[in-house]
Amino acid sequence: MTYMMTIDERTTQGQALLTYLEMLKINVQKVSTPKPRRGSLEQSLDDIKHGRVETFSSADEMCQALGI
């Protein structure tokens, strides 16, 4: 039989449960879940927050800064 459970290894109870399962010789397989993808708005806000955005007063200034 196969059972699936989610155990938070960061908690004391989760660590204790994993130790107990290992003591009982129960095969525990760890599977990581992928992080949910961020949308374009979240990415843009993150760029602003971390200073990865430049501001220009005009399109001409932007073209000059980019060497266009």
Protein backbone atom coordinates (compact mmCIF):
# COMPACT_ATOMS: atom_id res chain seq x y z
CA MET A 1 0.00 0.00 0.00
CA THR A 2 1.11 3.54 -0.69
CA TYR A 3 0.20 6.56 1.40
CA MET A 4 1.06 10.16 0.69
CA MET A 5 1.51 12.70 3.48
CA THR A 6 2.86 16.19 3.82
CA ILE A 7 5.28 16.59 6.71
CA ASP A 8 6.88 19.91 7.58
CA GLU A 9 10.47 18.96 8.38
CA ARG A 10 11.14 22.43 9.80
CA THR A 11 8.98 21.76 12.85
CA THR A 12 9.92 19.70 15.89
CA GLN A 13 6.85 17.50 15.42
CA GLY A 14 7.70 16.87 11.76
CA GLN A 15 11.25 15.88 12.61
CA ALA A 16 9.99 13.59 15.38
CA LEU A 17 7.51 11.94 13.01
CA LEU A 18 10.21 11.28 10.42
CA THR A 19 12.47 9.80 13.10
CA TYR A 20 9.63 7.57 14.27
CA LEU A 21 8.88 6.39 10.73
CA GLU A 22 12.55 5.56 10.18
CA MET A 23 12.56 3.62 13.47
CA LEU A 24 9.65 1.53 12.17
CA LYS A 25 11.65 0.88 8.97
CA ILE A 26 9.02 2.61 6.85
CA ASN A 27 10.31 3.74 3.46
CA VAL A 28 10.02 7.53 3.29
CA GLN A 29 10.50 9.21 -0.07
CA LYS A 30 11.03 12.95 -0.16
CA VAL A 31 9.48 14.82 -3.04
CA SER A 32 9.94 18.54 -3.47
CA THR A 33 7.08 20.56 -4.80
CA PRO A 34 7.87 23.24 -7.35
CA LYS A 35 7.45 26.85 -6.34
CA PRO A 36 4.45 28.49 -7.92
CA ARG A 37 5.39 30.70 -10.84
CA ARG A 38 5.20 34.41 -10.26
CA GLY A 39 3.18 36.53 -12.62
CA SER A 40 4.58 39.46 -14.54
CA LEU A 41 3.21 41.97 -12.01
CA GLU A 42 4.99 40.23 -9.12
CA GLN A 43 8.22 40.08 -11.13
CA SER A 44 7.95 43.78 -11.98
CA LEU A 45 7.30 44.75 -8.36
CA ASP A 46 10.28 42.64 -7.29
CA ASP A 47 12.48 44.39 -9.87
CA ILE A 48 11.41 47.78 -8.52
CA LYS A 49 11.96 46.69 -4.91
CA HIS A 50 15.51 45.50 -5.64
CA GLY A 51 16.52 48.51 -7.74
CA ARG A 52 16.70 46.75 -11.10
CA VAL A 53 14.75 49.55 -12.81
CA GLU A 54 16.03 52.75 -14.39
CA THR A 55 13.89 55.82 -14.87
CA PHE A 56 14.22 58.36 -17.66
CA SER A 57 12.57 61.73 -18.11
CA SER A 58 12.05 61.22 -21.84
CA ALA A 59 12.34 58.64 -24.60
CA ASP A 60 15.31 60.55 -26.02
CA GLU A 61 17.16 60.26 -22.70
CA MET A 62 16.46 56.51 -22.64
CA CYS A 63 17.74 56.03 -26.20
CA GLN A 64 20.87 58.03 -25.39
CA ALA A 65 21.54 55.97 -22.23
CA LEU A 66 21.07 52.72 -24.16
CA GLY A 67 23.30 53.91 -27.01
CA ILE A 68 20.58 53.74 -29.61
